[in-house]
PDB file of N, CA and C in Angstrom:
ATOM      1  N   MET A   1     139.335  83.170 101.096  1.00  0.00           N
ATOM      2  CA  MET A   1     140.086  83.822 100.034  1.00  0.00           C
ATOM      3  C   MET A   1     139.800  85.321 100.074  1.00  0.00           C
ATOM      4  N   ASN A   2     140.820  86.088 100.230  1.00  0.00           N
ATOM      5  CA  ASN A   2     140.658  87.541 100.276  1.00  0.00           C
ATOM      6  C   ASN A   2     140.619  88.122  98.872  1.00  0.00           C
ATOM      7  N   VAL A   3     139.980  89.252  98.775  1.00  0.00           N
ATOM      8  CA  VAL A   3     139.868  89.953  97.499  1.00  0.00           C
ATOM      9  C   VAL A   3     141.149  90.753  97.284  1.00  0.00           C
ATOM     10  N   SER A   4     141.779  90.546  96.148  1.00  0.00           N
ATOM     11  CA  SER A   4     143.027  91.257  95.860  1.00  0.00           C
ATOM     12  C   SER A   4     142.732  92.624  95.250  1.00  0.00           C
ATOM     13  N   ASP A   5     143.755  93.455  95.228  1.00  0.00           N
ATOM     14  CA  ASP A   5     143.611  94.777  94.612  1.00  0.00           C
ATOM     15  C   ASP A   5     143.311  94.650  93.119  1.00  0.00           C
ATOM     16  N   ALA A   6     143.858  93.609  92.500  1.00  0.00           N
ATOM     17  CA  ALA A   6     143.605  93.395  91.070  1.00  0.00           C
ATOM     18  C   ALA A   6     142.126  93.060  90.835  1.00  0.00           C
ATOM     19  N   ASP A   7     141.533  92.265  91.741  1.00  0.00           N
ATOM     20  CA  ASP A   7     140.103  91.937  91.615  1.00  0.00           C
ATOM     21  C   ASP A   7     139.246  93.179  91.761  1.00  0.00           C
ATOM     22  N   VAL A   8     139.613  94.039  92.698  1.00  0.00           N
ATOM     23  CA  VAL A   8     138.878  95.291  92.908  1.00  0.00           C
ATOM     24  C   VAL A   8     138.966  96.154  91.660  1.00  0.00           C
ATOM     25  N   ALA A   9     140.150  96.238  91.075  1.00  0.00           N
ATOM     26  CA  ALA A   9     140.345  97.054  89.869  1.00  0.00           C
ATOM     27  C   ALA A   9     139.544  96.499  88.695  1.00  0.00           C
ATOM     28  N   VAL A  10     139.493  95.174  88.557  1.00  0.00           N
ATOM     29  CA  VAL A  10     138.743  94.557  87.455  1.00  0.00           C
ATOM     30  C   VAL A  10     137.259  94.872  87.578  1.00  0.00           C
ATOM     31  N   LEU A  11     136.712  94.727  88.783  1.00  0.00           N
ATOM     32  CA  LEU A  11     135.285  95.024  88.969  1.00  0.00           C
ATOM     33  C   LEU A  11     134.994  96.498  88.713  1.00  0.00           C
ATOM     34  N   GLN A  12     135.860  97.386  89.184  1.00  0.00           N
ATOM     35  CA  GLN A  12     135.641  98.818  88.951  1.00  0.00           C
ATOM     36  C   GLN A  12     135.741  99.140  87.465  1.00  0.00           C
ATOM     37  N   ASP A  13     136.662  98.487  86.743  1.00  0.00           N
ATOM     38  CA  ASP A  13     136.765  98.689  85.292  1.00  0.00           C
ATOM     39  C   ASP A  13     135.493  98.222  84.586  1.00  0.00           C
ATOM     40  N   CYS A  14     134.929  97.117  85.042  1.00  0.00           N
ATOM     41  CA  CYS A  14     133.667  96.629  84.461  1.00  0.00           C
ATOM     42  C   CYS A  14     132.533  97.611  84.716  1.00  0.00           C
ATOM     43  N   LEU A  15     132.501  98.185  85.901  1.00  0.00           N
ATOM     44  CA  LEU A  15     131.472  99.191  86.206  1.00  0.00           C
ATOM     45  C   LEU A  15     131.643 100.422  85.328  1.00  0.00           C
ATOM     46  N   THR A  16     132.888 100.815  85.072  1.00  0.00           N
ATOM     47  CA  THR A  16     133.156 101.959  84.199  1.00  0.00           C
ATOM     48  C   THR A  16     132.709 101.659  82.769  1.00  0.00           C
ATOM     49  N   LEU A  17     132.974 100.450  82.291  1.00  0.00           N
ATOM     50  CA  LEU A  17     132.513 100.061  80.949  1.00  0.00           C
ATOM     51  C   LEU A  17     130.992 100.047  80.869  1.00  0.00           C
ATOM     52  N   LEU A  18     130.336  99.559  81.912  1.00  0.00           N
ATOM     53  CA  LEU A  18     128.877  99.564  81.955  1.00  0.00           C
ATOM     54  C   LEU A  18     128.339 100.992  81.911  1.00  0.00           C
ATOM     55  N   GLU A  19     128.994 101.884  82.631  1.00  0.00           N
ATOM     56  CA  GLU A  19     128.579 103.290  82.627  1.00  0.00           C
ATOM     57  C   GLU A  19     128.698 103.882  81.221  1.00  0.00           C
ATOM     58  N   LYS A  20     129.805 103.626  80.547  1.00  0.00           N
ATOM     59  CA  LYS A  20     129.992 104.139  79.182  1.00  0.00           C
ATOM     60  C   LYS A  20     128.941 103.556  78.238  1.00  0.00           C
ATOM     61  N   TRP A  21     128.654 102.260  78.391  1.00  0.00           N
ATOM     62  CA  TRP A  21     127.648 101.607  77.559  1.00  0.00           C
ATOM     63  C   TRP A  21     126.279 102.243  77.780  1.00  0.00           C
ATOM     64  N   SER A  22     125.930 102.508  79.042  1.00  0.00           N
ATOM     65  CA  SER A  22     124.613 103.090  79.342  1.00  0.00           C
ATOM     66  C   SER A  22     124.490 104.501  78.781  1.00  0.00           C
ATOM     67  N   VAL A  23     125.581 105.247  78.779  1.00  0.00           N
ATOM     68  CA  VAL A  23     125.552 106.600  78.199  1.00  0.00           C
ATOM     69  C   VAL A  23     125.412 106.507  76.683  1.00  0.00           C
ATOM     70  N   THR A  24     126.164 105.596  76.063  1.00  0.00           N
ATOM     71  CA  THR A  24     126.107 105.425  74.605  1.00  0.00           C
ATOM     72  C   THR A  24     124.702 105.065  74.140  1.00  0.00           C
ATOM     73  N   TRP A  25     124.054 104.159  74.852  1.00  0.00           N
ATOM     74  CA  TRP A  25     122.733 103.692  74.466  1.00  0.00           C
ATOM     75  C   TRP A  25     121.605 104.466  75.137  1.00  0.00           C
ATOM     76  N   GLN A  26     121.942 105.524  75.861  1.00  0.00           N
ATOM     77  CA  GLN A  26     120.984 106.415  76.525  1.00  0.00           C
ATOM     78  C   GLN A  26     120.024 105.634  77.425  1.00  0.00           C
ATOM     79  N   LEU A  27     120.587 104.692  78.175  1.00  0.00           N
ATOM     80  CA  LEU A  27     119.823 103.904  79.130  1.00  0.00           C
ATOM     81  C   LEU A  27     120.317 104.249  80.532  1.00  0.00           C
ATOM     82  N   SER A  28     119.436 104.813  81.320  1.00  0.00           N
ATOM     83  CA  SER A  28     119.859 105.187  82.663  1.00  0.00           C
ATOM     84  C   SER A  28     119.820 103.975  83.588  1.00  0.00           C
ATOM     85  N   ILE A  29     120.729 103.951  84.532  1.00  0.00           N
ATOM     86  CA  ILE A  29     120.799 102.885  85.522  1.00  0.00           C
ATOM     87  C   ILE A  29     120.605 103.522  86.886  1.00  0.00           C
ATOM     88  N   SER A  30     119.665 102.997  87.647  1.00  0.00           N
ATOM     89  CA  SER A  30     119.369 103.541  88.967  1.00  0.00           C
ATOM     90  C   SER A  30     120.375 102.995  89.985  1.00  0.00           C
ATOM     91  N   ILE A  31     121.265 103.847  90.422  1.00  0.00           N
ATOM     92  CA  ILE A  31     122.290 103.440  91.384  1.00  0.00           C
ATOM     93  C   ILE A  31     121.657 103.123  92.735  1.00  0.00           C
ATOM     94  N   LYS A  32     120.530 103.748  93.047  1.00  0.00           N
ATOM     95  CA  LYS A  32     119.848 103.477  94.318  1.00  0.00           C
ATOM     96  C   LYS A  32     119.411 102.019  94.423  1.00  0.00           C
ATOM     97  N   LYS A  33     119.162 101.382  93.279  1.00  0.00           N
ATOM     98  CA  LYS A  33     118.719  99.990  93.264  1.00  0.00           C
ATOM     99  C   LYS A  33     119.880  99.010  93.135  1.00  0.00           C
ATOM    100  N   CYS A  34     121.086  99.506  93.028  1.00  0.00           N
ATOM    101  CA  CYS A  34     122.266  98.659  92.860  1.00  0.00           C
ATOM    102  C   CYS A  34     122.960  98.446  94.194  1.00  0.00           C
ATOM    103  N   SER A  35     123.587  97.292  94.338  1.00  0.00           N
ATOM    104  CA  SER A  35     124.360  97.006  95.542  1.00  0.00           C
ATOM    105  C   SER A  35     125.430  95.974  95.213  1.00  0.00           C
ATOM    106  N   ILE A  36     126.418  95.907  96.087  1.00  0.00           N
ATOM    107  CA  ILE A  36     127.514  94.952  95.947  1.00  0.00           C
ATOM    108  C   ILE A  36     127.347  93.894  97.026  1.00  0.00           C
ATOM    109  N   LEU A  37     127.339  92.625  96.631  1.00  0.00           N
ATOM    110  CA  LEU A  37     127.281  91.502  97.560  1.00  0.00           C
ATOM    111  C   LEU A  37     128.508  90.643  97.327  1.00  0.00           C
ATOM    112  N   MET A  38     129.382  90.600  98.315  1.00  0.00           N
ATOM    113  CA  MET A  38     130.567  89.752  98.237  1.00  0.00           C
ATOM    114  C   MET A  38     130.180  88.359  98.707  1.00  0.00           C
ATOM    115  N   VAL A  39     130.312  87.372  97.842  1.00  0.00           N
ATOM    116  CA  VAL A  39     129.930  86.002  98.164  1.00  0.00           C
ATOM    117  C   VAL A  39     131.163  85.250  98.656  1.00  0.00           C
ATOM    118  N   GLY A  40     131.002  84.563  99.792  1.00  0.00           N
ATOM    119  CA  GLY A  40     132.093  83.793 100.369  1.00  0.00           C
ATOM    120  C   GLY A  40     132.749  84.538 101.517  1.00  0.00           C
ATOM    121  N   SER A  41     133.763  83.933 102.047  1.00  0.00           N
ATOM    122  CA  SER A  41     134.470  84.562 103.172  1.00  0.00           C
ATOM    123  C   SER A  41     135.562  85.488 102.646  1.00  0.00           C
ATOM    124  N   GLY A  42     136.015  86.350 103.512  1.00  0.00           N
ATOM    125  CA  GLY A  42     137.103  87.251 103.132  1.00  0.00           C
ATOM    126  C   GLY A  42     136.652  88.368 102.225  1.00  0.00           C
ATOM    127  N   GLY A  43     135.635  89.107 102.640  1.00  0.00           N
ATOM    128  CA  GLY A  43     135.128  90.225 101.849  1.00  0.00           C
ATOM    129  C   GLY A  43     136.148  91.339 101.733  1.00  0.00           C
ATOM    130  N   SER A  44     135.760  92.376 101.106  1.00  0.00           N
ATOM    131  CA  SER A  44     136.654  93.507 100.869  1.00  0.00           C
ATOM    132  C   SER A  44     136.028  94.783 101.404  1.00  0.00           C
ATOM    133  N   ASP A  45     136.875  95.712 101.810  1.00  0.00           N
ATOM    134  CA  ASP A  45     136.407  97.018 102.254  1.00  0.00           C
ATOM    135  C   ASP A  45     136.426  98.030 101.117  1.00  0.00           C
ATOM    136  N   ALA A  46     136.653  97.562  99.902  1.00  0.00           N
ATOM    137  CA  ALA A  46     136.737  98.450  98.748  1.00  0.00           C
ATOM    138  C   ALA A  46     135.407  99.145  98.510  1.00  0.00           C
ATOM    139  N   VAL A  47     135.495 100.366  98.027  1.00  0.00           N
ATOM    140  CA  VAL A  47     134.304 101.140  97.681  1.00  0.00           C
ATOM    141  C   VAL A  47     134.248 101.235  96.166  1.00  0.00           C
ATOM    142  N   TYR A  48     133.145 100.782  95.592  1.00  0.00           N
ATOM    143  CA  TYR A  48     132.957 100.821  94.146  1.00  0.00           C
ATOM    144  C   TYR A  48     132.038 101.980  93.801  1.00  0.00           C
ATOM    145  N   SER A  49     132.245 102.557  92.622  1.00  0.00           N
ATOM    146  CA  SER A  49     131.416 103.702  92.232  1.00  0.00           C
ATOM    147  C   SER A  49     130.916 103.532  90.808  1.00  0.00           C
ATOM    148  N   PHE A  50     129.813 104.209  90.560  1.00  0.00           N
ATOM    149  CA  PHE A  50     129.193 104.234  89.238  1.00  0.00           C
ATOM    150  C   PHE A  50     128.677 105.640  89.048  1.00  0.00           C
ATOM    151  N   SER A  51     129.094 106.308  87.993  1.00  0.00           N
ATOM    152  CA  SER A  51     128.713 107.708  87.741  1.00  0.00           C
ATOM    153  C   SER A  51     129.049 108.583  88.943  1.00  0.00           C
ATOM    154  N   ASP A  52     130.219 108.378  89.502  1.00  0.00           N
ATOM    155  CA  ASP A  52     130.712 109.137  90.663  1.00  0.00           C
ATOM    156  C   ASP A  52     129.825 109.003  91.891  1.00  0.00           C
ATOM    157  N   GLN A  53     129.036 107.945  91.976  1.00  0.00           N
ATOM    158  CA  GLN A  53     128.217 107.651  93.150  1.00  0.00           C
ATOM    159  C   GLN A  53     128.665 106.309  93.715  1.00  0.00           C
ATOM    160  N   ALA A  54     128.851 106.263  95.021  1.00  0.00           N
ATOM    161  CA  ALA A  54     129.271 105.015  95.659  1.00  0.00           C
ATOM    162  C   ALA A  54     128.137 103.995  95.609  1.00  0.00           C
ATOM    163  N   ILE A  55     128.498 102.742  95.372  1.00  0.00           N
ATOM    164  CA  ILE A  55     127.528 101.656  95.370  1.00  0.00           C
ATOM    165  C   ILE A  55     127.571 101.009  96.744  1.00  0.00           C
ATOM    166  N   GLU A  56     126.403 100.844  97.344  1.00  0.00           N
ATOM    167  CA  GLU A  56     126.294 100.296  98.694  1.00  0.00           C
ATOM    168  C   GLU A  56     126.723  98.827  98.727  1.00  0.00           C
ATOM    169  N   SER A  57     127.511  98.474  99.738  1.00  0.00           N
ATOM    170  CA  SER A  57     127.889  97.086  99.963  1.00  0.00           C
ATOM    171  C   SER A  57     126.937  96.492 100.995  1.00  0.00           C
ATOM    172  N   VAL A  58     126.347  95.326 100.694  1.00  0.00           N
ATOM    173  CA  VAL A  58     125.324  94.742 101.561  1.00  0.00           C
ATOM    174  C   VAL A  58     125.690  93.303 101.933  1.00  0.00           C
ATOM    175  N   ASP A  59     125.048  92.792 102.988  1.00  0.00           N
ATOM    176  CA  ASP A  59     125.238  91.409 103.412  1.00  0.00           C
ATOM    177  C   ASP A  59     124.154  90.495 102.863  1.00  0.00           C
ATOM    178  N   VAL A  60     122.979  91.070 102.549  1.00  0.00           N
ATOM    179  CA  VAL A  60     121.848  90.313 102.013  1.00  0.00           C
ATOM    180  C   VAL A  60     121.264  91.111 100.852  1.00  0.00           C
ATOM    181  N   VAL A  61     120.917  90.397  99.776  1.00  0.00           N
ATOM    182  CA  VAL A  61     120.326  91.057  98.616  1.00  0.00           C
ATOM    183  C   VAL A  61     119.110  90.248  98.164  1.00  0.00           C
ATOM    184  N   LYS A  62     118.107  90.956  97.643  1.00  0.00           N
ATOM    185  CA  LYS A  62     116.920  90.293  97.101  1.00  0.00           C
ATOM    186  C   LYS A  62     117.014  90.344  95.584  1.00  0.00           C
ATOM    187  N   ASP A  63     117.053  89.165  94.965  1.00  0.00           N
ATOM    188  CA  ASP A  63     117.157  89.076  93.515  1.00  0.00           C
ATOM    189  C   ASP A  63     116.077  88.127  93.015  1.00  0.00           C
ATOM    190  N   LEU A  64     115.234  88.606  92.127  1.00  0.00           N
ATOM    191  CA  LEU A  64     114.112  87.835  91.596  1.00  0.00           C
ATOM    192  C   LEU A  64     113.243  87.269  92.714  1.00  0.00           C
ATOM    193  N   GLY A  65     113.086  88.059  93.784  1.00  0.00           N
ATOM    194  CA  GLY A  65     112.222  87.676  94.888  1.00  0.00           C
ATOM    195  C   GLY A  65     112.856  86.744  95.897  1.00  0.00           C
ATOM    196  N   VAL A  66     114.127  86.398  95.722  1.00  0.00           N
ATOM    197  CA  VAL A  66     114.810  85.476  96.632  1.00  0.00           C
ATOM    198  C   VAL A  66     115.877  86.238  97.405  1.00  0.00           C
ATOM    199  N   LEU A  67     115.845  86.116  98.740  1.00  0.00           N
ATOM    200  CA  LEU A  67     116.861  86.733  99.579  1.00  0.00           C
ATOM    201  C   LEU A  67     118.076  85.814  99.668  1.00  0.00           C
ATOM    202  N   VAL A  68     119.249  86.358  99.375  1.00  0.00           N
ATOM    203  CA  VAL A  68     120.491  85.592  99.407  1.00  0.00           C
ATOM    204  C   VAL A  68     121.497  86.382 100.227  1.00  0.00           C
ATOM    205  N   ASP A  69     122.234  85.686 101.115  1.00  0.00           N
ATOM    206  CA  ASP A  69     123.269  86.378 101.874  1.00  0.00           C
ATOM    207  C   ASP A  69     124.647  86.033 101.315  1.00  0.00           C
ATOM    208  N   SER A  70     125.679  86.588 101.921  1.00  0.00           N
ATOM    209  CA  SER A  70     127.037  86.446 101.398  1.00  0.00           C
ATOM    210  C   SER A  70     127.571  85.022 101.509  1.00  0.00           C
ATOM    211  N   LYS A  71     126.928  84.177 102.297  1.00  0.00           N
ATOM    212  CA  LYS A  71     127.353  82.778 102.414  1.00  0.00           C
ATOM    213  C   LYS A  71     126.425  81.845 101.639  1.00  0.00           C
ATOM    214  N   LEU A  72     125.596  82.427 100.777  1.00  0.00           N
ATOM    215  CA  LEU A  72     124.609  81.701  99.982  1.00  0.00           C
ATOM    216  C   LEU A  72     123.691  80.871 100.871  1.00  0.00           C
ATOM    217  N   ASN A  73     123.342  81.461 101.994  1.00  0.00           N
ATOM    218  CA  ASN A  73     122.433  80.841 102.953  1.00  0.00           C
ATOM    219  C   ASN A  73     121.052  81.437 102.720  1.00  0.00           C
ATOM    220  N   PHE A  74     120.029  80.606 102.689  1.00  0.00           N
ATOM    221  CA  PHE A  74     118.680  81.064 102.403  1.00  0.00           C
ATOM    222  C   PHE A  74     117.812  81.110 103.655  1.00  0.00           C
ATOM    223  N   PHE A  75     118.419  81.105 104.843  1.00  0.00           N
ATOM    224  CA  PHE A  75     117.670  81.094 106.088  1.00  0.00           C
ATOM    225  C   PHE A  75     116.720  82.280 106.188  1.00  0.00           C
ATOM    226  N   GLN A  76     117.196  83.483 105.880  1.00  0.00           N
ATOM    227  CA  GLN A  76     116.343  84.669 105.977  1.00  0.00           C
ATOM    228  C   GLN A  76     115.185  84.590 104.989  1.00  0.00           C
ATOM    229  N   HIS A  77     115.428  84.073 103.795  1.00  0.00           N
ATOM    230  CA  HIS A  77     114.373  83.936 102.787  1.00  0.00           C
ATOM    231  C   HIS A  77     113.294  82.968 103.282  1.00  0.00           C
ATOM    232  N   ILE A  78     113.715  81.823 103.794  1.00  0.00           N
ATOM    233  CA  ILE A  78     112.771  80.827 104.299  1.00  0.00           C
ATOM    234  C   ILE A  78     112.005  81.382 105.493  1.00  0.00           C
ATOM    235  N   SER A  79     112.688  82.105 106.353  1.00  0.00           N
ATOM    236  CA  SER A  79     112.045  82.711 107.521  1.00  0.00           C
ATOM    237  C   SER A  79     110.968  83.709 107.100  1.00  0.00           C
ATOM    238  N   ASP A  80     111.267  84.530 106.100  1.00  0.00           N
ATOM    239  CA  ASP A  80     110.291  85.506 105.607  1.00  0.00           C
ATOM    240  C   ASP A  80     109.070  84.814 104.989  1.00  0.00           C
ATOM    241  N   ILE A  81     109.293  83.739 104.235  1.00  0.00           N
ATOM    242  CA  ILE A  81     108.183  83.008 103.613  1.00  0.00           C
ATOM    243  C   ILE A  81     107.285  82.386 104.675  1.00  0.00           C
ATOM    244  N   THR A  82     107.881  81.743 105.685  1.00  0.00           N
ATOM    245  CA  THR A  82     107.067  81.114 106.720  1.00  0.00           C
ATOM    246  C   THR A  82     106.322  82.157 107.548  1.00  0.00           C
ATOM    247  N   LYS A  83     106.929  83.325 107.756  1.00  0.00           N
ATOM    248  CA  LYS A  83     106.258  84.410 108.486  1.00  0.00           C
ATOM    249  C   LYS A  83     105.023  84.877 107.710  1.00  0.00           C
ATOM    250  N   LYS A  84     105.168  85.066 106.401  1.00  0.00           N
ATOM    251  CA  LYS A  84     104.032  85.490 105.574  1.00  0.00           C
ATOM    252  C   LYS A  84     102.944  84.426 105.552  1.00  0.00           C
ATOM    253  N   ALA A  85     103.327  83.154 105.471  1.00  0.00           N
ATOM    254  CA  ALA A  85     102.346  82.061 105.461  1.00  0.00           C
ATOM    255  C   ALA A  85     101.585  82.026 106.783  1.00  0.00           C
ATOM    256  N   HIS A  86     102.275  82.224 107.891  1.00  0.00           N
ATOM    257  CA  HIS A  86     101.620  82.246 109.201  1.00  0.00           C
ATOM    258  C   HIS A  86     100.639  83.416 109.300  1.00  0.00           C
ATOM    259  N   GLN A  87     101.035  84.593 108.786  1.00  0.00           N
ATOM    260  CA  GLN A  87     100.149  85.757 108.810  1.00  0.00           C
ATOM    261  C   GLN A  87      98.885  85.498 107.990  1.00  0.00           C
ATOM    262  N   ARG A  88      99.034  84.898 106.820  1.00  0.00           N
ATOM    263  CA  ARG A  88      97.867  84.621 105.977  1.00  0.00           C
ATOM    264  C   ARG A  88      96.966  83.567 106.602  1.00  0.00           C
ATOM    265  N   ALA A  89      97.557  82.549 107.199  1.00  0.00           N
ATOM    266  CA  ALA A  89      96.756  81.523 107.865  1.00  0.00           C
ATOM    267  C   ALA A  89      95.987  82.116 109.037  1.00  0.00           C
ATOM    268  N   SER A  90      96.626  83.020 109.783  1.00  0.00           N
ATOM    269  CA  SER A  90      95.947  83.678 110.901  1.00  0.00           C
ATOM    270  C   SER A  90      94.805  84.552 110.408  1.00  0.00           C
ATOM    271  N   MET A  91      95.006  85.222 109.277  1.00  0.00           N
ATOM    272  CA  MET A  91      93.963  86.066 108.706  1.00  0.00           C
ATOM    273  C   MET A  91      92.758  85.217 108.281  1.00  0.00           C
ATOM    274  N   ILE A  92      93.012  84.070 107.678  1.00  0.00           N
ATOM    275  CA  ILE A  92      91.924  83.174 107.279  1.00  0.00           C
ATOM    276  C   ILE A  92      91.184  82.672 108.510  1.00  0.00           C
ATOM    277  N   LEU A  93      91.909  82.314 109.547  1.00  0.00           N
ATOM    278  CA  LEU A  93      91.295  81.807 110.771  1.00  0.00           C
ATOM    279  C   LEU A  93      90.406  82.858 111.430  1.00  0.00           C
ATOM    280  N   ARG A  94      90.800  84.131 111.357  1.00  0.00           N
ATOM    281  CA  ARG A  94      89.999  85.217 111.944  1.00  0.00           C
ATOM    282  C   ARG A  94      88.675  85.413 111.206  1.00  0.00           C
ATOM    283  N   CYS A  95      88.568  84.933 109.978  1.00  0.00           N
ATOM    284  CA  CYS A  95      87.330  85.081 109.202  1.00  0.00           C
ATOM    285  C   CYS A  95      86.217  84.179 109.711  1.00  0.00           C
ATOM    286  N   PHE A  96      86.548  83.101 110.421  1.00  0.00           N
ATOM    287  CA  PHE A  96      85.540  82.180 110.926  1.00  0.00           C
ATOM    288  C   PHE A  96      84.915  82.722 112.205  1.00  0.00           C
ATOM    289  N   LEU A  97      83.597  82.529 112.346  1.00  0.00           N
ATOM    290  CA  LEU A  97      82.891  83.007 113.528  1.00  0.00           C
ATOM    291  C   LEU A  97      83.125  82.103 114.730  1.00  0.00           C
ATOM    292  N   THR A  98      83.351  80.837 114.491  1.00  0.00           N
ATOM    293  CA  THR A  98      83.559  79.891 115.580  1.00  0.00           C
ATOM    294  C   THR A  98      84.723  78.970 115.234  1.00  0.00           C
ATOM    295  N   ARG A  99      85.297  78.410 116.267  1.00  0.00           N
ATOM    296  CA  ARG A  99      86.365  77.433 116.060  1.00  0.00           C
ATOM    297  C   ARG A  99      85.906  76.037 116.474  1.00  0.00           C
ATOM    298  N   ASP A 100      84.596  75.886 116.615  1.00  0.00           N
ATOM    299  CA  ASP A 100      84.009  74.596 116.969  1.00  0.00           C
ATOM    300  C   ASP A 100      84.114  73.668 115.757  1.00  0.00           C
ATOM    301  N   HIS A 101      84.706  72.494 115.934  1.00  0.00           N
ATOM    302  CA  HIS A 101      84.942  71.579 114.832  1.00  0.00           C
ATOM    303  C   HIS A 101      83.693  70.810 114.418  1.00  0.00           C
ATOM    304  N   SER A 102      82.695  70.741 115.278  1.00  0.00           N
ATOM    305  CA  SER A 102      81.490  70.008 114.895  1.00  0.00           C
ATOM    306  C   SER A 102      80.637  70.855 113.955  1.00  0.00           C
ATOM    307  N   LEU A 103      79.961  70.208 113.054  1.00  0.00           N
ATOM    308  CA  LEU A 103      79.172  70.929 112.062  1.00  0.00           C
ATOM    309  C   LEU A 103      77.692  71.010 112.447  1.00  0.00           C
ATOM    310  N   THR A 104      77.322  70.578 113.664  1.00  0.00           N
ATOM    311  CA  THR A 104      75.911  70.580 114.068  1.00  0.00           C
ATOM    312  C   THR A 104      75.360  71.988 114.215  1.00  0.00           C
ATOM    313  N   HIS A 105      76.211  72.962 114.473  1.00  0.00           N
ATOM    314  CA  HIS A 105      75.733  74.337 114.691  1.00  0.00           C
ATOM    315  C   HIS A 105      75.231  74.991 113.395  1.00  0.00           C
ATOM    316  N   CYS A 106      75.806  74.622 112.289  1.00  0.00           N
ATOM    317  CA  CYS A 106      75.445  75.277 111.032  1.00  0.00           C
ATOM    318  C   CYS A 106      74.234  74.631 110.363  1.00  0.00           C
ATOM    319  N   CYS A 107      73.792  73.481 110.814  1.00  0.00           N
ATOM    320  CA  CYS A 107      72.718  72.760 110.143  1.00  0.00           C
ATOM    321  C   CYS A 107      71.447  72.750 111.009  1.00  0.00           C
ATOM    322  N   ALA A 108      70.984  73.853 111.480  1.00  0.00           N
ATOM    323  CA  ALA A 108      69.819  73.896 112.370  1.00  0.00           C
ATOM    324  C   ALA A 108      68.539  74.070 111.593  1.00  0.00           C
TER     325      ALA A 108
END
């Protein structure tokens, strides 16, 4: 499903309303931390803006510590978790002086 011009206009109108709300309530929004993630197939080349600054369009976003891509695939998230677990396990293993499984060496 492709994104229509009407969908692009609706999202931009929502961003404009959010901008007005943030000015009214004196709450700043960091555009550097904002991004657009189109979920599903048939993305759009539209450029969205907030406070006259373009919002970056991305293929993967991290939300609440979970990496999600445009196809709602969690492969990258799982890959990152297993990589970190392997690094920590390797660090723990390096703390041991020997890799000998018998305990006779420590009980002399």
